[in-house]
Amino acid sequence: MEQRVSLITLGVADMANAAAFYERMGWRRVESPDGVVAFDLIGQTLGLYSLAALAEDIGVAEGTLGRGAATLGYNVRTKEEVDDVLQRAKVAGATILKPAQAVFWGGYHGYFADPEGHVWEVAHNPFSPLAEDGAFRWNGHE
């Protein structure tokens, strides 16, 4: 198995509202089959899929999926961009869970939840600078 994640799928109760949130964040949909909303990322895709359909596909009751203790990370180039992204998320309909602040390890971050409750961390990590195309690599690019 190659070391990568190709597709991140978020189960959502309200597809239209979830898709509109990410579009308000400035993301653009790509063509996809009915029942799936997809946004291509740098090297991956974020997919939105009905929570009920996801449970059916897995073969479990919808209630067993719940909300996992996971976050989606969005790294930026500067501390100021953390503030900008959190503000944009708030305007788009997110709930700010933790305002932007300095972190003990030398970075700067904050958290928001999208309208479906999926938690995003927005961070500036001076020890992991992004590549010119925005690609992230732990400990940066050489």
Protein backbone atom coordinates (compact mmCIF):
# COMPACT_ATOMS: atom_id res chain seq x y z
CA MET A 1 0.00 0.00 0.00
CA GLU A 2 1.41 3.39 -0.99
CA GLN A 3 1.55 6.03 1.73
CA ARG A 4 -1.23 8.44 0.72
CA VAL A 5 -4.86 9.39 1.21
CA SER A 6 -6.73 9.74 -2.08
CA LEU A 7 -10.24 10.66 -0.99
CA ILE A 8 -11.65 12.09 2.23
CA THR A 9 -15.40 11.51 2.41
CA LEU A 10 -17.55 13.40 4.89
CA GLY A 11 -20.97 11.95 5.65
CA VAL A 12 -23.46 14.82 5.77
CA ALA A 13 -27.14 15.11 6.64
CA ASP A 14 -27.82 18.18 4.47
CA MET A 15 -25.93 17.88 1.19
CA ALA A 16 -27.06 21.22 -0.23
CA ASN A 17 -26.07 23.18 2.87
CA ALA A 18 -22.75 21.36 3.25
CA ALA A 19 -21.85 21.92 -0.40
CA ALA A 20 -22.85 25.58 -0.21
CA PHE A 21 -20.61 26.06 2.84
CA TYR A 22 -17.50 24.84 1.00
CA GLU A 23 -18.44 26.91 -2.04
CA ARG A 24 -18.72 29.99 0.20
CA MET A 25 -15.19 29.16 1.38
CA GLY A 26 -14.11 29.59 -2.24
CA TRP A 27 -13.89 25.94 -3.31
CA ARG A 28 -15.16 24.79 -6.71
CA ARG A 29 -17.02 21.55 -7.34
CA VAL A 30 -15.85 19.09 -9.95
CA GLU A 31 -18.14 16.91 -12.03
CA SER A 32 -19.31 13.87 -10.08
CA PRO A 33 -22.13 11.32 -10.13
CA ASP A 34 -25.50 12.13 -8.59
CA GLY A 35 -25.46 11.90 -4.83
CA VAL A 36 -21.81 12.93 -4.51
CA VAL A 37 -20.34 16.42 -4.27
CA ALA A 38 -16.59 16.51 -4.90
CA PHE A 39 -13.92 19.19 -4.56
CA ASP A 40 -10.48 18.39 -5.97
CA LEU A 41 -7.64 19.33 -3.65
CA ILE A 42 -3.90 19.25 -4.18
CA GLY A 43 -3.36 15.53 -4.68
CA GLN A 44 -6.64 14.43 -3.06
CA THR A 45 -10.39 14.98 -3.28
CA LEU A 46 -12.85 15.95 -0.57
CA GLY A 47 -16.20 14.25 -1.12
CA LEU A 48 -19.55 14.97 0.51
CA TYR A 49 -21.92 12.02 0.67
CA SER A 50 -25.26 11.50 2.33
CA LEU A 51 -24.78 10.18 5.86
CA ALA A 52 -27.64 7.71 5.33
CA ALA A 53 -26.15 6.49 2.05
CA LEU A 54 -22.70 6.19 3.63
CA ALA A 55 -24.10 4.05 6.46
CA GLU A 56 -25.93 1.89 3.93
CA ASP A 57 -22.78 1.51 1.82
CA ILE A 58 -20.75 0.43 4.87
CA GLY A 59 -23.57 -1.82 6.10
CA VAL A 60 -24.08 -0.22 9.52
CA ALA A 61 -26.81 1.76 11.21
CA GLU A 62 -26.52 5.51 10.59
CA GLY A 63 -26.36 6.19 14.34
CA THR A 64 -23.19 4.13 14.69
CA LEU A 65 -21.22 6.52 12.49
CA GLY A 66 -21.60 9.49 14.82
CA ARG A 67 -18.81 12.04 14.90
CA GLY A 68 -15.30 10.67 15.13
CA ALA A 69 -12.55 12.33 17.11
CA ALA A 70 -10.74 13.50 14.00
CA THR A 71 -9.84 16.85 12.48
CA LEU A 72 -9.09 17.99 8.97
CA GLY A 73 -5.99 20.15 8.84
CA TYR A 74 -5.61 23.18 6.59
CA ASN A 75 -2.14 24.70 6.77
CA VAL A 76 -1.38 28.20 5.52
CA ARG A 77 1.76 30.20 4.78
CA THR A 78 1.40 32.97 7.41
CA LYS A 79 -0.14 33.62 10.80
CA GLU A 80 -2.36 36.28 9.22
CA GLU A 81 -3.85 33.69 6.87
CA VAL A 82 -5.05 31.69 9.89
CA ASP A 83 -7.12 34.67 11.00
CA ASP A 84 -8.38 35.25 7.45
CA VAL A 85 -9.48 31.64 6.93
CA LEU A 86 -11.23 31.48 10.31
CA GLN A 87 -13.09 34.71 9.53
CA ARG A 88 -14.07 33.42 6.10
CA ALA A 89 -15.32 30.18 7.67
CA LYS A 90 -17.41 32.11 10.20
CA VAL A 91 -18.99 34.25 7.47
CA ALA A 92 -19.64 31.08 5.43
CA GLY A 93 -21.56 29.52 8.34
CA ALA A 94 -18.96 27.73 10.46
CA THR A 95 -18.81 27.75 14.24
CA ILE A 96 -15.47 28.93 15.60
CA LEU A 97 -14.43 26.38 18.23
CA LYS A 98 -11.08 27.93 19.14
CA PRO A 99 -10.02 31.40 18.02
CA ALA A 100 -6.59 31.73 16.43
CA GLN A 101 -3.77 31.78 18.96
CA ALA A 102 -0.12 30.97 19.45
CA VAL A 103 0.69 27.34 20.21
CA PHE A 104 3.36 26.13 22.65
CA TRP A 105 5.35 24.44 19.87
CA GLY A 106 5.81 27.72 17.97
CA GLY A 107 2.90 27.69 15.55
CA TYR A 108 -0.38 29.57 15.36
CA HIS A 109 -3.77 27.90 14.93
CA GLY A 110 -7.51 27.84 15.52
CA TYR A 111 -10.43 25.47 14.97
CA PHE A 112 -13.85 25.68 13.33
CA ALA A 113 -16.70 23.25 12.74
CA ASP A 114 -18.48 23.22 9.39
CA PRO A 115 -22.31 23.28 9.44
CA GLU A 116 -22.37 19.47 9.76
CA GLY A 117 -19.96 19.50 12.73
CA HIS A 118 -16.79 18.34 10.93
CA VAL A 119 -13.85 19.94 12.71
CA TRP A 120 -11.11 21.77 10.83
CA GLU A 121 -7.82 23.03 12.24
CA VAL A 122 -6.36 26.05 10.44
CA ALA A 123 -2.66 26.34 11.22
CA HIS A 124 0.55 28.12 10.40
CA ASN A 125 3.46 25.82 11.16
CA PRO A 126 6.78 27.61 10.65
CA PHE A 127 8.55 24.23 10.79
CA SER A 128 6.52 22.78 7.90
CA PRO A 129 6.41 25.44 5.16
CA LEU A 130 4.14 24.71 2.22
CA ALA A 131 5.46 24.07 -1.25
CA GLU A 132 4.86 26.76 -3.86
CA ASP A 133 1.76 24.88 -5.09
CA GLY A 134 0.40 24.65 -1.53
CA ALA A 135 1.32 21.01 -0.94
CA PHE A 136 1.98 20.14 2.70
CA ARG A 137 4.70 17.83 3.96
CA TRP A 138 5.54 17.27 7.62
CA ASN A 139 8.78 19.19 8.29
CA GLY A 140 8.37 21.07 5.00
CA HIS A 141 9.72 20.78 1.49
CA GLU A 142 13.35 20.94 0.47
